Protein backbone atom coordinates (compact mmCIF):
# COMPACT_ATOMS: atom_id res chain seq x y z
CA MET A 1 133.68 100.71 245.38
CA LYS A 2 131.22 99.84 242.63
CA SER A 3 127.59 100.93 242.56
CA SER A 4 124.62 99.63 240.63
CA PHE A 5 122.49 102.17 242.53
CA ARG A 6 124.12 105.28 241.08
CA PHE A 7 123.36 106.51 237.55
CA ARG A 8 126.49 106.63 235.41
CA ILE A 9 127.42 108.12 232.01
CA ASP A 10 130.39 106.31 230.48
CA LEU A 11 132.78 108.68 228.71
CA SER A 12 134.89 106.03 226.99
CA GLY A 13 135.20 106.38 223.23
CA PHE A 14 136.60 108.84 220.71
CA TRP A 15 137.72 112.23 222.01
CA GLU A 16 139.50 115.17 220.35
CA PHE A 17 143.20 115.58 221.08
CA LYS A 18 145.75 118.34 220.58
CA LEU A 19 149.43 118.62 221.47
CA ASP A 20 150.62 121.72 223.30
CA PRO A 21 154.44 121.65 223.05
CA ARG A 22 154.76 125.41 223.80
CA ASN A 23 152.41 125.30 226.80
CA GLU A 24 150.15 127.93 225.28
CA GLY A 25 146.81 126.23 225.86
CA GLU A 26 145.94 127.80 229.21
CA PRO A 27 146.85 131.38 228.24
CA LYS A 28 144.79 130.93 225.06
CA GLU A 29 141.93 129.42 227.10
CA TRP A 30 141.74 126.08 225.33
CA PHE A 31 139.82 124.92 228.40
CA ARG A 32 136.79 126.65 226.89
CA GLY A 33 137.13 124.40 223.83
CA PHE A 34 139.79 124.20 221.12
CA ASP A 35 139.92 123.85 217.34
CA GLY A 36 142.15 121.58 215.31
CA GLY A 37 141.82 118.49 217.45
CA GLU A 38 142.51 115.02 216.09
CA PRO A 39 140.73 111.76 217.01
CA ILE A 40 142.03 109.76 219.98
CA TYR A 41 140.55 106.84 221.89
CA VAL A 42 139.96 106.84 225.65
CA PRO A 43 140.97 104.83 227.61
CA SER A 44 144.45 104.30 226.15
CA SER A 45 147.79 106.09 226.22
CA TRP A 46 148.32 108.61 223.44
CA ASN A 47 151.81 107.54 222.29
CA GLU A 48 151.22 104.60 219.97
CA GLN A 49 147.82 105.69 218.65
CA ASN A 50 149.61 108.01 216.18
CA PRO A 51 153.29 107.62 215.17
CA SER A 52 153.74 111.40 215.34
CA TRP A 53 152.74 111.34 219.03
CA ASP A 54 154.95 108.39 219.91
CA LYS A 55 157.92 110.15 221.50
CA TYR A 56 155.95 113.06 222.87
CA ALA A 57 156.36 113.61 226.61
CA GLY A 58 154.80 117.01 227.16
CA ILE A 59 151.46 118.76 227.52
CA ALA A 60 148.39 117.69 225.56
CA TRP A 61 144.67 118.45 225.64
CA TYR A 62 141.59 116.24 225.41
CA GLN A 63 137.98 117.29 224.89
CA ARG A 64 134.59 115.70 224.30
CA ARG A 65 130.93 116.65 224.53
CA PHE A 66 128.26 114.62 226.27
CA TYR A 67 124.57 115.04 227.06
CA VAL A 68 123.05 114.86 230.55
CA PRO A 69 119.33 114.04 230.87
CA LYS A 70 117.13 116.63 232.58
CA GLU A 71 115.95 113.96 235.04
CA LEU A 72 119.36 114.05 236.76
CA GLU A 73 119.00 117.65 237.85
CA GLY A 74 119.38 117.92 241.61
CA LYS A 75 121.73 114.98 241.87
CA THR A 76 125.40 115.51 242.79
CA PRO A 77 127.57 114.82 239.72
CA TRP A 78 131.09 113.39 240.09
CA LEU A 79 133.63 113.17 237.29
CA VAL A 80 135.64 110.02 237.95
CA PHE A 81 139.03 109.33 236.35
CA LYS A 82 140.40 105.85 237.04
CA GLY A 83 143.89 106.82 235.87
CA ALA A 84 145.25 109.78 233.88
CA GLY A 85 148.48 111.64 233.79
CA TYR A 86 151.05 112.22 234.82
CA HIS A 87 149.39 115.52 235.89
CA ALA A 88 145.75 116.23 234.97
CA LYS A 89 143.74 119.47 235.10
CA VAL A 90 140.01 119.30 234.39
CA TRP A 91 137.46 121.87 233.16
CA LEU A 92 133.76 121.41 232.54
CA ASN A 93 131.97 124.01 230.42
CA GLY A 94 134.95 126.32 230.97
CA VAL A 95 134.82 125.98 234.77
CA PHE A 96 137.93 124.60 236.49
CA LEU A 97 137.02 121.54 238.60
CA GLY A 98 140.41 120.47 239.95
CA GLU A 99 143.68 118.69 239.30
CA HIS A 100 145.49 115.50 240.22
CA GLU A 101 149.08 114.28 240.18
CA GLY A 102 149.95 110.65 239.43
CA SER A 103 148.95 108.34 236.59
CA PHE A 104 147.76 105.22 238.39
CA THR A 105 145.14 106.03 241.03
CA GLU A 106 141.52 107.07 240.87
CA PHE A 107 140.43 110.65 241.46
CA ARG A 108 136.96 112.18 241.45
CA LEU A 109 135.88 115.80 241.12
CA ASP A 110 132.59 117.39 242.16
CA ALA A 111 131.06 118.82 238.96
CA SER A 112 128.04 120.49 240.61
CA LYS A 113 129.15 124.05 239.88
CA ALA A 114 129.49 123.49 236.14
CA LEU A 115 127.24 120.66 234.93
CA LYS A 116 124.17 121.48 232.83
CA ALA A 117 121.34 118.93 233.05
CA GLY A 118 119.08 118.69 230.01
CA ASP A 119 121.85 120.03 227.81
CA TRP A 120 125.20 119.26 226.17
CA ASN A 121 128.37 119.67 228.24
CA LEU A 122 132.00 120.17 227.21
CA LEU A 123 134.70 118.33 229.17
CA VAL A 124 138.31 119.48 228.63
CA VAL A 125 141.35 117.79 230.21
CA ARG A 126 144.94 119.04 230.15
CA ILE A 127 147.53 116.30 230.63
CA ASP A 128 151.15 117.18 231.50
CA ASN A 129 153.44 114.19 231.02
CA ARG A 130 156.77 115.98 231.23
CA LEU A 131 159.52 114.22 233.17
CA SER A 132 161.19 115.86 236.16
CA LEU A 133 163.09 114.91 239.29
CA ASP A 134 160.29 115.98 241.62
CA ARG A 135 157.74 113.65 240.03
CA ILE A 136 157.07 110.06 241.07
CA PRO A 137 158.63 108.14 239.51
CA PRO A 138 161.32 110.69 238.61
CA GLY A 139 163.04 111.36 235.29
CA ARG A 140 164.83 114.02 233.29
CA ALA A 141 163.59 113.27 229.76
CA LEU A 142 161.76 110.62 227.75
CA ASN A 143 164.82 108.36 227.61
CA VAL A 144 166.46 109.48 230.85
CA THR A 145 164.41 108.05 233.70
CA ALA A 146 164.78 106.40 237.10
CA PHE A 147 162.53 103.59 235.86
CA ASP A 148 162.80 100.98 233.13
CA PHE A 149 159.36 101.20 231.52
CA PHE A 150 158.07 103.57 228.87
CA PRO A 151 156.64 106.86 230.27
CA TYR A 152 153.31 106.74 228.46
CA GLY A 153 151.05 109.78 228.72
CA GLY A 154 147.31 110.21 228.54
CA ILE A 155 143.99 109.07 229.92
CA HIS A 156 144.99 105.43 230.41
CA ARG A 157 141.93 104.20 232.29
CA PRO A 158 138.14 104.69 232.14
CA VAL A 159 136.39 108.03 232.71
CA TYR A 160 132.74 108.40 233.69
CA LEU A 161 130.23 110.76 235.24
CA GLU A 162 128.50 109.38 238.33
CA PHE A 163 125.52 110.82 240.21
CA THR A 164 124.78 110.57 243.91
CA SER A 165 122.30 112.14 246.28
CA GLY A 166 123.41 114.92 248.60
CA ASN A 167 124.34 112.25 251.13
CA TYR A 168 126.42 109.37 249.83
CA ILE A 169 128.80 106.62 250.87
CA ASP A 170 132.24 108.20 250.61
CA GLU A 171 134.46 105.37 251.83
CA LEU A 172 133.99 101.71 252.65
CA ILE A 173 136.52 99.68 254.63
CA VAL A 174 136.02 95.92 254.91
CA VAL A 175 138.13 93.64 257.11
CA THR A 176 137.59 89.87 257.21
CA ASP A 177 139.34 86.72 258.31
CA HIS A 178 139.05 83.11 257.19
CA ARG A 179 137.09 82.16 260.33
CA GLY A 180 134.15 84.38 259.36
CA SER A 181 134.89 87.67 261.10
CA LEU A 182 133.45 90.68 259.28
CA LYS A 183 134.05 94.36 260.07
CA VAL A 184 132.48 97.07 257.92
CA GLU A 185 133.31 100.75 258.36
CA VAL A 186 131.34 103.34 256.36
CA SER A 187 132.10 107.04 255.99
CA VAL A 188 129.22 109.24 254.80
CA GLY A 189 129.71 112.31 252.64
CA GLY A 190 127.51 115.38 252.43
CA PRO A 191 125.77 117.37 255.19
CA ARG A 192 125.47 115.64 258.57
CA VAL A 193 122.08 113.97 258.94
CA GLU A 194 120.63 111.13 260.97
CA CYS A 195 121.19 107.97 258.96
CA ASP A 196 121.64 104.22 259.05
CA VAL A 197 123.62 101.82 256.91
CA VAL A 198 122.19 98.44 255.94
CA VAL A 199 124.73 95.71 255.24
CA LYS A 200 123.81 92.67 253.18
CA LEU A 201 126.02 89.76 252.18
CA ARG A 202 125.24 87.51 249.22
CA ASP A 203 126.98 84.31 248.19
CA ARG A 204 128.13 83.40 244.70
CA LEU A 205 124.61 82.31 243.73
CA PHE A 206 123.40 85.73 244.97
CA ARG A 207 121.56 84.25 247.93
CA GLU A 208 121.40 86.55 250.94
CA VAL A 209 123.36 84.98 253.79
CA PHE A 210 123.54 87.95 256.16
CA LYS A 211 121.75 91.24 256.80
CA ASP A 212 122.09 93.82 259.57
CA LYS A 213 122.22 97.56 260.07
CA ALA A 214 124.21 100.12 262.04
CA ARG A 215 123.54 103.68 263.12
CA CYS A 216 125.69 106.53 261.80
CA VAL A 217 127.53 108.58 264.43
CA ASP A 218 129.26 111.76 263.25
CA GLY A 219 129.13 110.61 259.66
CA LYS A 220 130.50 107.12 260.34
CA ALA A 221 129.00 103.70 260.93
CA VAL A 222 130.71 100.51 262.09
CA LEU A 223 129.35 96.97 262.07
CA GLU A 224 131.23 93.93 263.40
CA ARG A 225 129.93 90.38 263.31
CA LYS A 226 131.17 86.79 263.41
CA LEU A 227 129.46 84.78 260.66
CA GLU A 228 129.02 81.02 260.63
CA GLY A 229 129.37 78.74 257.63
CA ILE A 230 131.59 81.12 255.67
CA ARG A 231 133.66 79.69 252.82
CA PRO A 232 137.25 81.05 252.95
CA TRP A 233 138.95 82.64 249.91
CA SER A 234 142.24 81.10 248.74
CA PRO A 235 144.15 80.54 245.46
CA GLU A 236 142.78 76.99 245.34
CA ASP A 237 139.21 78.11 246.03
CA PRO A 238 138.79 81.87 245.36
CA TYR A 239 135.26 82.09 246.72
CA LEU A 240 133.80 85.60 246.53
CA TYR A 241 130.83 87.13 248.31
CA THR A 242 129.11 90.38 247.31
CA LEU A 243 128.79 92.92 250.10
CA HIS A 244 125.98 95.47 249.58
CA VAL A 245 125.89 98.61 251.72
CA GLU A 246 122.88 100.93 251.58
CA LEU A 247 122.66 104.40 253.09
CA VAL A 248 119.24 105.12 254.61
CA VAL A 249 118.12 108.70 255.38
CA GLY A 250 114.59 109.45 256.59
CA GLY A 251 113.54 105.86 255.92
CA GLN A 252 114.64 106.07 252.25
CA VAL A 253 117.61 104.40 250.59
CA VAL A 254 119.58 107.31 249.11
CA ASP A 255 122.79 105.51 248.07
CA GLY A 256 124.19 102.04 247.67
CA VAL A 257 127.58 100.50 246.87
CA GLU A 258 128.93 96.99 246.62
CA GLU A 259 132.26 95.21 246.93
CA ARG A 260 133.24 91.66 246.07
CA ILE A 261 134.99 90.38 249.16
CA GLY A 262 136.66 87.22 250.33
CA PHE A 263 137.13 85.89 253.84
CA ARG A 264 140.84 85.34 254.28
CA SER A 265 143.66 86.07 256.74
CA VAL A 266 147.27 87.13 256.09
CA GLU A 267 150.09 87.33 258.62
CA VAL A 268 153.83 86.96 258.94
CA LYS A 269 154.79 84.68 261.81
CA ASP A 270 157.88 82.65 262.75
CA GLY A 271 159.60 83.44 259.45
CA LYS A 272 156.61 82.33 257.39
CA ILE A 273 153.94 84.02 255.27
CA LEU A 274 150.62 82.57 256.40
CA LEU A 275 147.42 82.63 254.38
CA ASN A 276 144.42 81.40 256.38
CA GLY A 277 146.88 80.04 258.91
CA ARG A 278 148.86 77.99 256.38
CA PRO A 279 152.38 78.70 255.05
CA VAL A 280 151.92 79.91 251.49
CA PHE A 281 154.49 80.02 248.69
CA LEU A 282 154.16 82.77 246.07
CA LYS A 283 155.14 81.71 242.55
CA GLY A 284 154.62 84.06 239.68
CA PHE A 285 155.89 87.17 237.99
CA GLY A 286 156.59 90.82 237.94
CA ARG A 287 154.17 92.30 235.41
CA HIS A 288 153.64 95.55 233.53
CA GLU A 289 150.51 97.14 232.17
CA ASP A 290 151.87 97.43 228.63
CA PHE A 291 150.42 96.42 225.28
CA PRO A 292 150.92 97.44 221.63
CA VAL A 293 148.98 100.58 220.60
CA THR A 294 146.97 100.89 223.84
CA GLY A 295 150.11 101.47 225.95
CA LYS A 296 149.34 101.54 229.66
CA HIS A 297 145.74 100.39 229.08
CA LEU A 298 145.30 96.61 229.04
CA PRO A 299 142.04 95.74 227.24
CA GLY A 300 139.81 93.24 229.00
CA ALA A 301 140.44 90.47 226.48
CA VAL A 302 144.20 90.83 226.96
CA LEU A 303 143.80 90.58 230.73
CA VAL A 304 141.71 87.42 230.38
CA ARG A 305 144.41 85.83 228.20
CA ASP A 306 147.12 86.89 230.66
CA TYR A 307 145.36 85.23 233.57
CA PHE A 308 144.75 81.98 231.72
CA LEU A 309 148.41 81.93 230.65
CA MET A 310 149.51 82.49 234.25
CA LYS A 311 147.19 79.72 235.43
CA LYS A 312 148.51 77.35 232.79
CA ILE A 313 152.12 78.06 233.72
CA GLY A 314 151.42 77.33 237.40
CA ALA A 315 151.62 80.87 238.81
CA ASN A 316 149.55 81.94 241.82
CA SER A 317 150.76 85.51 242.36
CA PHE A 318 152.33 88.69 240.98
CA ARG A 319 153.61 92.08 242.05
CA THR A 320 152.05 95.21 240.51
CA SER A 321 155.43 96.43 239.37
CA HIS A 322 155.85 99.37 239.57
CA TYR A 323 152.53 101.11 240.28
CA PRO A 324 148.99 100.11 241.32
CA TYR A 325 147.10 98.36 238.51
CA SER A 326 143.64 99.01 237.12
CA ASP A 327 140.41 97.89 238.77
CA GLU A 328 139.79 95.43 235.94
CA HIS A 329 143.26 93.95 236.38
CA LEU A 330 142.75 93.33 240.08
CA ASP A 331 139.10 92.27 239.68
CA LEU A 332 140.41 89.22 237.82
CA ALA A 333 142.97 88.55 240.57
CA ASP A 334 140.10 88.41 243.07
CA GLU A 335 138.04 86.20 240.75
CA MET A 336 140.81 83.78 239.75
CA GLY A 337 142.61 83.46 243.07
CA PHE A 338 145.88 85.31 242.52
CA LEU A 339 147.86 86.71 245.43
CA VAL A 340 148.97 90.29 244.79
CA ILE A 341 151.78 92.41 246.17
CA LEU A 342 150.42 95.91 245.55
CA GLU A 343 153.20 98.40 244.83
CA THR A 344 153.27 102.20 244.95
CA PRO A 345 154.63 104.22 241.97
CA VAL A 346 157.87 104.99 243.87
CA CYS A 347 160.17 103.24 241.38
CA LEU A 348 163.77 104.37 241.85
CA SER A 349 165.84 101.75 240.00
CA GLY A 350 167.96 104.30 238.12
CA LEU A 351 167.83 107.29 240.46
CA GLY A 352 171.57 107.05 240.99
CA ARG A 353 172.11 107.58 237.24
CA LEU A 354 170.04 110.76 237.37
CA LEU A 355 171.79 112.00 240.50
CA PRO A 356 175.37 110.66 240.29
CA GLU A 357 176.61 112.98 243.06
CA GLU A 358 175.88 111.24 246.34
CA GLU A 359 175.06 114.47 248.15
CA GLU A 360 172.35 115.27 245.58
CA LEU A 361 170.97 111.77 246.01
CA ARG A 362 170.81 112.17 249.78
CA LYS A 363 169.14 115.57 249.35
CA TRP A 364 166.39 114.05 247.17
CA PHE A 365 165.33 111.75 250.03
CA LYS A 366 165.36 114.60 252.55
CA ASN A 367 162.92 116.66 250.48
CA PRO A 368 159.67 116.74 252.52
CA GLU A 369 157.60 117.42 249.39
CA ILE A 370 158.78 114.18 247.79
CA LEU A 371 157.90 112.17 250.90
CA ALA A 372 154.50 113.86 251.18
CA LYS A 373 153.78 113.04 247.54
CA ALA A 374 154.78 109.39 248.04
CA LYS A 375 152.54 109.16 251.10
CA ARG A 376 149.57 110.64 249.25
CA MET A 377 149.98 108.23 246.32
CA ALA A 378 150.20 105.30 248.74
CA GLU A 379 147.06 106.53 250.50
CA GLU A 380 145.12 106.77 247.23
CA MET A 381 146.28 103.27 246.27
CA ILE A 382 145.18 101.77 249.59
CA LYS A 383 141.81 103.52 249.58
CA GLN A 384 141.09 102.15 246.11
CA HIS A 385 142.22 98.54 246.59
CA ARG A 386 142.41 97.67 250.31
CA ASN A 387 139.22 95.58 250.36
CA ARG A 388 140.40 93.09 247.76
CA PRO A 389 141.06 89.54 248.98
CA SER A 390 143.80 89.20 246.35
CA VAL A 391 145.88 92.04 247.85
CA ILE A 392 147.92 90.42 250.62
CA MET A 393 150.92 92.74 250.91
CA TYR A 394 152.07 96.31 250.16
CA SER A 395 155.39 97.14 248.51
CA VAL A 396 156.30 100.76 249.25
CA VAL A 397 159.18 101.26 246.79
CA ASN A 398 161.17 99.45 244.08
CA GLU A 399 164.98 99.25 244.01
CA PRO A 400 165.85 102.33 246.07
CA PRO A 401 169.46 103.27 246.92
CA SER A 402 168.78 102.06 250.45
CA HIS A 403 172.43 101.65 251.33
CA LEU A 404 172.07 105.34 252.22
CA GLU A 405 170.72 106.27 255.65
CA GLU A 406 168.59 109.07 254.17
CA CYS A 407 166.88 106.62 251.84
CA ALA A 408 166.35 104.11 254.64
CA GLU A 409 164.70 106.81 256.76
CA PHE A 410 162.45 107.72 253.80
CA ILE A 411 161.37 104.07 253.51
CA LYS A 412 160.82 103.83 257.26
CA GLU A 413 158.46 106.82 257.24
CA LEU A 414 156.60 105.61 254.16
CA ALA A 415 156.22 102.09 255.61
CA GLU A 416 154.92 103.49 258.92
CA HIS A 417 152.41 105.63 257.04
CA VAL A 418 151.14 102.63 255.08
CA ARG A 419 150.94 100.53 258.24
CA LYS A 420 148.74 103.15 259.92
CA LEU A 421 146.44 103.31 256.91
CA ASP A 422 146.02 99.53 256.78
CA PRO A 423 147.53 97.49 259.63
CA THR A 424 146.04 94.23 258.29
CA LYS A 425 148.69 93.54 255.63
CA PRO A 426 152.47 92.99 255.75
CA ILE A 427 154.85 95.61 254.30
CA THR A 428 157.78 95.01 251.97
CA PHE A 429 159.83 96.71 249.26
CA ALA A 430 161.94 95.32 246.41
CA SER A 431 165.63 95.68 247.25
CA ASN A 432 168.60 95.35 244.93
CA ARG A 433 171.03 96.41 247.69
CA ARG A 434 170.54 93.10 249.49
CA SER A 435 173.03 92.61 252.38
CA GLU A 436 174.06 96.29 252.21
CA ASP A 437 170.45 97.45 252.58
CA LYS A 438 169.82 99.65 255.63
CA ALA A 439 166.00 99.58 255.33
CA LEU A 440 165.24 95.85 255.44
CA LYS A 441 164.78 96.10 259.21
CA TYR A 442 161.71 98.30 258.70
CA VAL A 443 159.59 95.79 256.76
CA ASP A 444 157.84 92.52 257.55
CA VAL A 445 158.89 90.57 254.46
CA ILE A 446 162.22 90.89 252.66
CA SER A 447 161.98 91.14 248.88
CA LEU A 448 165.16 90.80 246.83
CA ASN A 449 165.98 91.31 243.15
CA PHE A 450 168.87 89.31 241.60
CA TYR A 451 170.43 89.34 238.13
CA TYR A 452 173.77 87.58 238.64
CA GLY A 453 174.50 85.87 235.35
CA TRP A 454 172.96 88.74 233.39
CA TYR A 455 174.08 92.22 234.52
CA SER A 456 177.14 90.74 236.20
CA GLU A 457 178.83 87.37 235.64
CA TRP A 458 177.21 87.76 232.21
CA GLY A 459 177.39 84.74 229.98
CA ASP A 460 178.14 82.45 232.94
CA ILE A 461 174.94 81.18 234.55
CA GLU A 462 176.71 78.88 237.02
CA ALA A 463 178.93 81.69 238.31
CA GLY A 464 175.80 83.79 238.69
CA VAL A 465 174.03 81.07 240.64
CA GLU A 466 176.99 80.71 243.01
CA GLN A 467 176.95 84.45 243.68
CA LEU A 468 173.16 84.31 244.18
CA LYS A 469 173.47 81.58 246.82
CA LYS A 470 176.13 83.49 248.76
CA GLU A 471 174.16 86.73 248.77
CA VAL A 472 170.80 85.27 249.72
CA GLU A 473 172.42 83.37 252.60
CA LYS A 474 173.98 86.62 253.83
CA VAL A 475 170.60 88.34 253.95
CA HIS A 476 168.98 85.38 255.69
CA ALA A 477 171.74 85.36 258.31
CA LEU A 478 171.09 89.05 258.99
CA PHE A 479 167.29 88.59 259.30
CA PRO A 480 166.64 84.93 260.17
CA GLU A 481 163.17 85.77 261.55
CA LYS A 482 161.88 87.24 258.27
CA PRO A 483 160.60 85.37 255.21
CA ILE A 484 162.25 86.23 251.88
CA ILE A 485 160.65 86.61 248.47
CA ILE A 486 162.77 86.83 245.34
CA THR A 487 160.76 89.52 243.57
CA GLU A 488 162.89 89.69 240.41
CA TYR A 489 165.20 87.36 238.56
CA GLY A 490 165.50 86.91 234.83
CA ALA A 491 167.41 87.20 231.58
CA GLY A 492 166.54 88.71 228.23
CA ALA A 493 165.69 86.62 225.15
CA ILE A 494 165.09 87.86 221.63
CA THR A 495 162.25 85.79 220.19
CA GLY A 496 163.55 83.30 217.65
CA GLN A 497 167.20 83.74 218.68
CA HIS A 498 168.58 80.23 219.32
CA SER A 499 171.98 79.02 220.40
CA ASP A 500 173.74 75.78 221.31
CA PRO A 501 175.47 76.22 223.72
CA PRO A 502 173.13 78.77 225.33
CA LEU A 503 174.48 82.28 224.69
CA MET A 504 173.12 85.56 226.00
CA TRP A 505 169.92 86.85 224.34
CA SER A 506 169.03 83.38 223.06
CA GLU A 507 165.85 81.66 224.19
CA GLU A 508 168.01 78.80 225.47
CA TYR A 509 170.05 81.10 227.74
CA GLN A 510 166.91 82.58 229.28
CA ALA A 511 165.37 79.14 229.81
CA GLU A 512 168.52 77.76 231.46
CA PHE A 513 168.91 80.88 233.62
CA LEU A 514 165.35 80.59 234.94
CA ARG A 515 165.68 76.84 235.46
CA ARG A 516 168.86 77.11 237.54
CA TYR A 517 167.64 80.03 239.64
CA THR A 518 164.25 78.44 240.32
CA GLU A 519 165.72 75.07 241.27
CA GLU A 520 168.25 76.60 243.67
CA LEU A 521 165.88 79.05 245.34
CA ALA A 522 162.79 76.83 245.67
CA ARG A 523 164.60 74.40 247.96
CA LYS A 524 165.52 77.02 250.58
CA GLU A 525 163.10 76.77 253.50
CA TYR A 526 163.22 80.50 254.37
CA ILE A 527 162.22 81.61 250.85
CA TYR A 528 158.48 82.06 250.48
CA GLY A 529 158.15 83.30 246.94
CA LEU A 530 159.70 83.42 243.47
CA HIS A 531 158.66 86.08 240.98
CA ILE A 532 160.28 85.93 237.57
CA TRP A 533 161.02 89.17 235.77
CA ASN A 534 158.91 89.45 233.61
CA PHE A 535 155.63 87.91 232.51
CA SER A 536 155.84 89.47 229.02
CA ASP A 537 158.14 91.76 227.07
CA PHE A 538 157.35 95.44 227.54
CA ARG A 539 158.37 98.75 226.06
CA THR A 540 161.14 100.83 227.66
CA PRO A 541 162.90 104.13 227.06
CA GLU A 542 165.51 103.93 224.31
CA THR A 543 168.95 103.09 225.69
CA PRO A 544 172.05 101.25 224.45
CA TRP A 545 171.14 98.26 226.66
CA ARG A 546 167.53 97.89 225.43
CA THR A 547 166.33 96.76 222.00
CA ILE A 548 163.14 98.89 222.12
CA LEU A 549 161.65 96.36 224.55
CA ASN A 550 162.78 94.84 227.80
CA ARG A 551 162.92 91.25 226.55
CA LYS A 552 162.96 89.43 229.85
CA GLY A 553 159.39 88.31 229.28
CA VAL A 554 158.59 84.61 229.37
CA PHE A 555 155.98 85.62 226.80
CA THR A 556 156.34 88.10 223.95
CA ARG A 557 154.65 91.49 224.08
CA ASP A 558 151.71 90.00 222.13
CA ARG A 559 151.54 87.07 224.58
CA GLN A 560 153.14 84.21 222.66
CA PRO A 561 155.39 81.79 224.59
CA LYS A 562 159.16 81.69 224.45
CA LEU A 563 161.06 78.47 225.17
CA SER A 564 161.33 79.46 228.84
CA ALA A 565 157.53 79.36 229.24
CA TYR A 566 157.59 75.56 228.90
CA ILE A 567 160.48 75.24 231.37
CA VAL A 568 158.82 77.51 233.93
CA ARG A 569 155.51 75.68 233.55
CA LYS A 570 157.13 72.40 234.57
CA LEU A 571 158.97 74.02 237.50
CA PHE A 572 156.07 76.06 238.90
CA ASN A 573 153.57 73.23 238.65
CA SER A 574 155.90 71.08 240.77
CA ILE A 575 155.86 73.64 243.63
CA PRO A 576 152.74 73.44 245.84
CA THR A 577 150.96 76.66 246.81
CA PHE A 578 150.96 75.68 250.49
CA ARG A 579 154.07 74.35 252.16
CA ASP A 580 152.07 71.98 254.32
CA GLN A 581 151.12 70.11 251.13
CA SER A 582 153.22 67.44 249.49
CA SER A 583 154.34 68.19 245.95
């Protein structure tokens, strides 16, 4: 939720920063303020801002002072972190406010007991970015992880102080369809009082097209209406409305929030993915939030360039591999008409390398604390992003060892939890176990990752394509009623490396790999999406099979095209977004 009603103090900018490799900060009470800090910029990961911090995966401290006007006394202050971690502990003026686990979801802390209005305040944050097997995603050390992206640490996303009245809008759930149905559910925080909510809808020119109100009952209000003349949201016409919700207590407006919403429907039916009742084909990429120096923070200008590059290349969708993305990232998806598969941080691609003994691997999935943590992270993700028209599907895990029954049961429970939280969207997960996968029966859409011709059959694209065709047909035969998305396929290319004939790591090999895969897969009637791995090169842990970066990007890390970008552009632009269109 956004709010133009609430007063906000932005805490972006230069902070003080101090490493704590011996974990001595808390015993020495650094939370009351520390000496010897160095400059750091927030929001951004710490690693690449200073070469001496680059390979640090441990505990570090942030602090900054800010002033709060006297006029805000009596308001309820909330410290809001849009993304920090892996594990954050927060103190204000030496008073502990709370903690949060996970780098990629919003958390907010009530600062009432510590904030001083009309005075300067000291905010101190302890970040613990150590790797361990009980964290999500898991790892053992900086370069020994279950995931193939760099484990950046820090305050990656914006931080601000927000003020509400004693009663405030705590949660807003919006459900629409392309025929004009609108359902608004409001949860009210604070002491129970008699209240109303006023709902207003404005079009893109900010003209009011609807207004009504509902009474609060036990801290909740629900309003359902069927609206006429509504313009549906779609990739071809991403029309957004602004929904304003005001909380009225004693005849006075005491809080207000707004969401940009679109009227659209998503369902899986008869082996098809339907958007607004039409069979839709997803063409796009896996992405990462990764950029030089800023790490896991993608500056706004970079995001704008990314979206225009994706538009130019003919993409209409992406998966938030392998964690939920920032508000700014998904704001542009809403605005520019991209379809998003929103993925939890449960990325387990290399878990088998960390736990090579099968019994230990099975035990990991039977740990109730791990499942509870995954459920909580999924819940935070859904609460933050469920109202977006761009989000059409949830992916609950990436590349799990789901040939094991224990893993399949873990996925089943996580998928059921997500379905209860938001029954309006299909569920999937990205599988690299394919026909051996025991969890595909628990999801609505099958998502498959293939690298034949790269990690196997290497150097022989045609042999890889033949193996691809056999395997995808096997999966379809097992689940003929379910649509399939190919959520990853790709090959690495070192920029400027050329070869005739195409040899591995050359730009020509990558381009030919993507051409052959795309041509073969796009013609299969049961496949409803192709996502190339990856949009751009991104940093990874150091391993013998990575050259600092994962180089499967169609664009370089600084967003310049490789040869494959021109090939993909021609292919994607020849595939219509809706399968009831002619190409």
